[in-house]
C-alpha atoms as a PDB file:
ATOM      1  CA  UNK A   1     148.101 180.800 104.905  1.00  0.00           C
ATOM      2  CA  UNK A   2     147.250 177.011 104.387  1.00  0.00           C
ATOM      3  CA  UNK A   3     149.474 174.645 102.911  1.00  0.00           C
ATOM      4  CA  UNK A   4     148.741 174.608  99.278  1.00  0.00           C
ATOM      5  CA  UNK A   5     146.729 177.518  98.858  1.00  0.00           C
ATOM      6  CA  UNK A   6     148.908 180.237  97.114  1.00  0.00           C
ATOM      7  CA  UNK A   7     152.067 178.845  97.883  1.00  0.00           C
ATOM      8  CA  UNK A   8     155.158 179.030  95.307  1.00  0.00           C
ATOM      9  CA  UNK A   9     157.071 176.581  94.111  1.00  0.00           C
ATOM     10  CA  UNK A  10     160.055 177.174  96.268  1.00  0.00           C
ATOM     11  CA  UNK A  11     157.776 176.720  99.403  1.00  0.00           C
ATOM     12  CA  UNK A  12     156.064 173.366  97.883  1.00  0.00           C
ATOM     13  CA  UNK A  13     159.542 172.072  97.060  1.00  0.00           C
ATOM     14  CA  UNK A  14     160.778 172.904 100.818  1.00  0.00           C
ATOM     15  CA  UNK A  15     157.887 171.076 102.266  1.00  0.00           C
ATOM     16  CA  UNK A  16     158.255 168.093  99.759  1.00  0.00           C
ATOM     17  CA  UNK A  17     161.753 167.892 100.754  1.00  0.00           C
ATOM     18  CA  UNK A  18     160.813 167.663 104.183  1.00  0.00           C
ATOM     19  CA  UNK A  19     158.290 165.054 103.659  1.00  0.00           C
ATOM     20  CA  UNK A  20     160.426 162.929 101.821  1.00  0.00           C
ATOM     21  CA  UNK A  21     163.276 163.308 104.057  1.00  0.00           C
ATOM     22  CA  UNK A  22     160.634 162.126 106.919  1.00  0.00           C
ATOM     23  CA  UNK A  23     159.974 158.816 105.133  1.00  0.00           C
ATOM     24  CA  UNK A  24     163.106 158.099 103.696  1.00  0.00           C
ATOM     25  CA  UNK A  25     164.259 155.770 106.202  1.00  0.00           C
ATOM     26  CA  UNK A  26     161.410 153.613 105.090  1.00  0.00           C
ATOM     27  CA  UNK A  27     163.070 152.832 101.833  1.00  0.00           C
ATOM     28  CA  UNK A  28     166.264 150.674 102.434  1.00  0.00           C
ATOM     29  CA  UNK A  29     167.567 151.361  98.939  1.00  0.00           C
ATOM     30  CA  UNK A  30     168.198 154.509  97.288  1.00  0.00           C
ATOM     31  CA  UNK A  31     166.515 153.447  93.761  1.00  0.00           C
ATOM     32  CA  UNK A  32     162.741 153.008  95.561  1.00  0.00           C
ATOM     33  CA  UNK A  33     163.340 156.445  97.256  1.00  0.00           C
ATOM     34  CA  UNK A  34     164.235 157.960  94.109  1.00  0.00           C
ATOM     35  CA  UNK A  35     161.152 156.430  92.476  1.00  0.00           C
ATOM     36  CA  UNK A  36     158.950 157.694  95.264  1.00  0.00           C
ATOM     37  CA  UNK A  37     160.392 161.158  95.146  1.00  0.00           C
ATOM     38  CA  UNK A  38     159.453 161.017  91.370  1.00  0.00           C
ATOM     39  CA  UNK A  39     156.223 159.332  91.614  1.00  0.00           C
ATOM     40  CA  UNK A  40     154.474 162.073  94.265  1.00  0.00           C
ATOM     41  CA  UNK A  41     154.852 165.152  91.481  1.00  0.00           C
ATOM     42  CA  UNK A  42     153.836 163.000  88.940  1.00  0.00           C
ATOM     43  CA  UNK A  43     150.769 161.983  90.679  1.00  0.00           C
ATOM     44  CA  UNK A  44     149.964 165.751  91.317  1.00  0.00           C
ATOM     45  CA  UNK A  45     150.744 166.817  87.904  1.00  0.00           C
ATOM     46  CA  UNK A  46     148.271 167.765  85.066  1.00  0.00           C
ATOM     47  CA  UNK A  47     148.678 164.358  83.271  1.00  0.00           C
ATOM     48  CA  UNK A  48     145.229 163.098  82.197  1.00  0.00           C
ATOM     49  CA  UNK A  49     145.814 159.169  83.162  1.00  0.00           C
ATOM     50  CA  UNK A  50     147.754 158.271  86.170  1.00  0.00           C
ATOM     51  CA  UNK A  51     148.856 154.743  86.657  1.00  0.00           C
ATOM     52  CA  UNK A  52     151.622 153.308  88.175  1.00  0.00           C
ATOM     53  CA  UNK A  53     154.073 154.003  85.591  1.00  0.00           C
ATOM     54  CA  UNK A  54     153.068 157.267  84.002  1.00  0.00           C
ATOM     55  CA  UNK A  55     153.729 159.671  86.930  1.00  0.00           C
ATOM     56  CA  UNK A  56     157.215 158.467  87.188  1.00  0.00           C
ATOM     57  CA  UNK A  57     158.100 158.550  83.371  1.00  0.00           C
ATOM     58  CA  UNK A  58     157.090 161.902  82.995  1.00  0.00           C
ATOM     59  CA  UNK A  59     158.829 163.085  86.133  1.00  0.00           C
ATOM     60  CA  UNK A  60     162.177 161.166  85.076  1.00  0.00           C
ATOM     61  CA  UNK A  61     162.470 161.651  81.452  1.00  0.00           C
END
């Protein structure tokens, strides 16, 4: 089955965690890493308008 097609939430989370682990070293500090981790699911969410702030705000709080 192709990634993302019919994949459950647990499978998606596992793949996302693996991808984030692969790029974690690009961030020197934990804060930007956490922001990136929150930003990507925000971009993939169903919110109508997506700019630099909204996806992260939705994910964090």
